[in-house]
Structures are given as C-alpha cells and as structure tokens.
Amino acid sequence: MITKLRVTQSFDARQVASRRRERFGSGELLMLVSGSESPSESRFIRINGLRPSRGVECRYTIESDELNQKTEVAKFPA
C-alpha cells in the first residue's frame, strides 16, 4: 500500500543524498518510501512541487514522530 501524506505544519527535512535541509510547507503532498535505516526515521519523496531540473526526485528523511505530528493521511476522492 502506498501511503500519501499532506503536510499540516511546516517542517524541515534532510535530503538523503546530500544532507542538505529543505523546507516543506503546509498543504504539500508526500509519499512514504522504504529504505529507512532506523525504525525511528521515515523516508519520503515530494509528490507536488517536483524539481524537474534535478532529474530524479530526491528522498528526504525525518524522525517518524515529527512526521506523524506534522502530517495527515491524504484523502483523495474515489
């Protein structure tokens, strides 16, 4: 099952490849991905606001508790 999340409170997350921090604003859509090194961390990609100049979509990591507090499951019409 693919889990899509909507940001409810802005937060910063670390890009996995470069360790650069990036801001995620309220209303943005994220999708959880596998590959976390620790159960206390979550990895995700940005669904909207894609960065076409980067080629491949970047993966980000954040503490799972913080992600759960600042997002909600995105509901899409059937």
N, C-alpha and C. Protein backbone atom coordinates (compact mmCIF):
# COMPACT_ATOMS: atom_id res chain seq x y z
N MET A 1 0.84 -1.18 0.00
CA MET A 1 0.00 0.00 0.00
C MET A 1 0.88 1.25 0.00
N ILE A 2 0.55 2.20 -0.83
CA ILE A 2 1.29 3.45 -0.92
C ILE A 2 0.65 4.45 0.03
N THR A 3 1.46 5.00 0.93
CA THR A 3 0.94 5.98 1.88
C THR A 3 1.28 7.38 1.42
N LYS A 4 0.24 8.17 1.18
CA LYS A 4 0.42 9.57 0.79
C LYS A 4 0.01 10.44 1.96
N LEU A 5 0.81 11.47 2.22
CA LEU A 5 0.58 12.35 3.35
C LEU A 5 0.46 13.79 2.90
N ARG A 6 -0.32 14.58 3.64
CA ARG A 6 -0.44 16.01 3.40
C ARG A 6 0.17 16.73 4.60
N VAL A 7 1.04 17.71 4.33
CA VAL A 7 1.69 18.47 5.40
C VAL A 7 0.66 19.40 6.04
N THR A 8 0.56 19.35 7.38
CA THR A 8 -0.35 20.22 8.12
C THR A 8 0.40 21.35 8.83
N GLN A 9 1.68 21.12 9.16
CA GLN A 9 2.54 22.13 9.79
C GLN A 9 3.88 22.09 9.08
N SER A 10 4.42 23.25 8.72
CA SER A 10 5.70 23.31 8.02
C SER A 10 6.81 22.66 8.84
N PHE A 11 7.76 22.05 8.13
CA PHE A 11 8.92 21.44 8.80
C PHE A 11 10.09 21.38 7.83
N ASP A 12 11.28 21.13 8.37
CA ASP A 12 12.49 20.93 7.57
C ASP A 12 12.86 19.46 7.63
N ALA A 13 13.34 18.91 6.51
CA ALA A 13 13.80 17.53 6.47
C ALA A 13 15.13 17.49 5.72
N ARG A 14 15.92 16.47 6.02
CA ARG A 14 17.24 16.32 5.43
C ARG A 14 17.16 15.48 4.16
N GLN A 15 17.79 15.98 3.10
CA GLN A 15 17.87 15.23 1.85
C GLN A 15 18.85 14.08 2.07
N VAL A 16 18.48 12.86 1.70
CA VAL A 16 19.29 11.69 1.98
C VAL A 16 20.66 11.75 1.30
N ALA A 17 20.71 12.08 0.02
CA ALA A 17 21.97 12.04 -0.72
C ALA A 17 22.96 13.13 -0.32
N SER A 18 22.49 14.33 -0.08
CA SER A 18 23.41 15.45 0.15
C SER A 18 23.43 15.97 1.58
N ARG A 19 22.50 15.53 2.40
CA ARG A 19 22.34 16.01 3.79
C ARG A 19 21.86 17.45 3.87
N ARG A 20 21.54 18.06 2.73
CA ARG A 20 21.01 19.42 2.71
C ARG A 20 19.60 19.42 3.30
N ARG A 21 19.25 20.47 4.02
CA ARG A 21 17.91 20.57 4.61
C ARG A 21 17.00 21.35 3.67
N GLU A 22 15.77 20.88 3.57
CA GLU A 22 14.79 21.54 2.71
C GLU A 22 13.49 21.73 3.48
N ARG A 23 12.79 22.81 3.17
CA ARG A 23 11.55 23.17 3.86
C ARG A 23 10.35 22.58 3.14
N PHE A 24 9.40 22.06 3.91
CA PHE A 24 8.15 21.53 3.39
C PHE A 24 7.02 22.34 4.00
N GLY A 25 6.18 22.92 3.14
CA GLY A 25 5.13 23.82 3.59
C GLY A 25 3.78 23.14 3.72
N SER A 26 2.93 23.77 4.46
CA SER A 26 1.58 23.28 4.69
C SER A 26 0.85 23.06 3.36
N GLY A 27 0.20 21.91 3.22
CA GLY A 27 -0.54 21.59 2.00
C GLY A 27 0.22 20.74 1.00
N GLU A 28 1.55 20.64 1.14
CA GLU A 28 2.33 19.83 0.20
C GLU A 28 2.00 18.35 0.37
N LEU A 29 2.15 17.59 -0.71
CA LEU A 29 1.88 16.15 -0.68
C LEU A 29 3.19 15.38 -0.69
N LEU A 30 3.26 14.34 0.14
CA LEU A 30 4.44 13.50 0.27
C LEU A 30 4.03 12.05 0.10
N MET A 31 5.00 11.20 -0.26
CA MET A 31 4.74 9.77 -0.34
C MET A 31 5.85 9.05 0.41
N LEU A 32 5.47 8.19 1.37
CA LEU A 32 6.45 7.42 2.11
C LEU A 32 7.11 6.41 1.19
N VAL A 33 8.41 6.19 1.39
CA VAL A 33 9.15 5.18 0.63
C VAL A 33 9.91 4.30 1.61
N SER A 34 10.26 3.10 1.17
CA SER A 34 11.01 2.19 2.04
C SER A 34 12.49 2.54 2.00
N GLY A 35 13.24 1.94 2.89
CA GLY A 35 14.68 2.14 2.88
C GLY A 35 15.22 2.88 4.07
N SER A 36 14.42 3.09 5.09
CA SER A 36 14.90 3.78 6.29
C SER A 36 15.87 2.87 7.03
N GLU A 37 16.96 3.46 7.51
CA GLU A 37 17.96 2.70 8.25
C GLU A 37 17.50 2.41 9.67
N SER A 38 16.57 3.18 10.18
CA SER A 38 16.13 3.06 11.56
C SER A 38 14.61 3.14 11.62
N PRO A 39 13.98 2.36 12.52
CA PRO A 39 12.52 2.45 12.64
C PRO A 39 12.04 3.81 13.16
N SER A 40 12.95 4.58 13.77
CA SER A 40 12.56 5.89 14.29
C SER A 40 12.62 6.97 13.21
N GLU A 41 13.08 6.61 12.00
CA GLU A 41 13.15 7.55 10.88
C GLU A 41 12.19 7.15 9.79
N SER A 42 11.67 8.14 9.08
CA SER A 42 10.83 7.89 7.91
C SER A 42 11.48 8.54 6.70
N ARG A 43 11.39 7.87 5.55
CA ARG A 43 11.87 8.43 4.29
C ARG A 43 10.68 8.68 3.39
N PHE A 44 10.78 9.77 2.62
CA PHE A 44 9.66 10.14 1.75
C PHE A 44 10.17 10.94 0.57
N ILE A 45 9.31 11.09 -0.44
CA ILE A 45 9.57 11.96 -1.58
C ILE A 45 8.44 12.97 -1.65
N ARG A 46 8.71 14.07 -2.31
CA ARG A 46 7.70 15.12 -2.52
C ARG A 46 6.89 14.75 -3.76
N ILE A 47 5.56 14.77 -3.67
CA ILE A 47 4.71 14.45 -4.82
C ILE A 47 4.46 15.70 -5.66
N ASN A 48 4.03 16.78 -5.02
CA ASN A 48 3.81 18.01 -5.78
C ASN A 48 5.02 18.92 -5.61
N GLY A 49 5.17 19.86 -6.49
CA GLY A 49 6.34 20.73 -6.43
C GLY A 49 7.60 20.01 -6.85
N LEU A 50 7.45 19.07 -7.81
CA LEU A 50 8.62 18.32 -8.27
C LEU A 50 9.66 19.26 -8.84
N ARG A 51 10.90 18.88 -8.72
CA ARG A 51 12.01 19.69 -9.20
C ARG A 51 12.55 19.07 -10.50
N PRO A 52 11.94 19.42 -11.68
CA PRO A 52 12.33 18.76 -12.93
C PRO A 52 13.80 18.93 -13.28
N SER A 53 14.42 20.00 -12.86
CA SER A 53 15.83 20.23 -13.21
C SER A 53 16.75 19.23 -12.52
N ARG A 54 16.28 18.57 -11.47
CA ARG A 54 17.12 17.63 -10.74
C ARG A 54 17.10 16.23 -11.36
N GLY A 55 16.20 15.99 -12.29
CA GLY A 55 16.13 14.69 -12.93
C GLY A 55 15.39 13.66 -12.09
N VAL A 56 16.04 13.11 -11.09
CA VAL A 56 15.43 12.10 -10.23
C VAL A 56 14.90 12.78 -8.98
N GLU A 57 13.72 12.39 -8.55
CA GLU A 57 13.15 13.00 -7.34
C GLU A 57 13.98 12.63 -6.13
N CYS A 58 14.23 13.60 -5.28
CA CYS A 58 15.06 13.43 -4.09
C CYS A 58 14.28 12.74 -2.97
N ARG A 59 15.01 11.99 -2.17
CA ARG A 59 14.44 11.37 -0.98
C ARG A 59 14.87 12.17 0.23
N TYR A 60 13.97 12.25 1.19
CA TYR A 60 14.21 13.02 2.41
C TYR A 60 13.98 12.12 3.61
N THR A 61 14.61 12.48 4.73
CA THR A 61 14.43 11.72 5.97
C THR A 61 14.13 12.66 7.13
N ILE A 62 13.33 12.17 8.06
CA ILE A 62 12.94 12.93 9.24
C ILE A 62 12.55 11.93 10.32
N GLU A 63 12.60 12.35 11.56
CA GLU A 63 12.15 11.49 12.67
C GLU A 63 10.68 11.12 12.44
N SER A 64 10.36 9.86 12.61
CA SER A 64 8.99 9.38 12.38
C SER A 64 7.97 10.11 13.24
N ASP A 65 8.30 10.35 14.50
CA ASP A 65 7.36 11.05 15.40
C ASP A 65 7.04 12.45 14.88
N GLU A 66 8.07 13.18 14.43
CA GLU A 66 7.84 14.54 13.92
C GLU A 66 6.99 14.50 12.66
N LEU A 67 7.27 13.54 11.77
CA LEU A 67 6.49 13.43 10.54
C LEU A 67 5.02 13.13 10.87
N ASN A 68 4.78 12.24 11.82
CA ASN A 68 3.40 11.91 12.21
C ASN A 68 2.67 13.11 12.81
N GLN A 69 3.38 13.95 13.55
CA GLN A 69 2.77 15.12 14.17
C GLN A 69 2.44 16.21 13.15
N LYS A 70 3.22 16.31 12.09
CA LYS A 70 3.09 17.44 11.17
C LYS A 70 2.45 17.09 9.83
N THR A 71 1.92 15.87 9.73
CA THR A 71 1.23 15.46 8.50
C THR A 71 -0.04 14.70 8.85
N GLU A 72 -0.87 14.50 7.82
CA GLU A 72 -2.06 13.66 7.94
C GLU A 72 -2.16 12.82 6.68
N VAL A 73 -2.85 11.71 6.76
CA VAL A 73 -3.05 10.87 5.58
C VAL A 73 -3.87 11.66 4.57
N ALA A 74 -3.38 11.73 3.34
CA ALA A 74 -4.07 12.48 2.28
C ALA A 74 -5.26 11.67 1.79
N LYS A 75 -6.39 12.30 1.74
CA LYS A 75 -7.62 11.64 1.26
C LYS A 75 -7.94 12.18 -0.12
N PHE A 76 -8.13 11.26 -1.05
CA PHE A 76 -8.45 11.63 -2.43
C PHE A 76 -9.85 11.14 -2.75
N PRO A 77 -10.61 11.91 -3.53
CA PRO A 77 -11.96 11.46 -3.91
C PRO A 77 -11.90 10.16 -4.71
N ALA A 78 -12.87 9.29 -4.51
CA ALA A 78 -12.90 7.99 -5.19
C ALA A 78 -13.27 8.10 -6.63
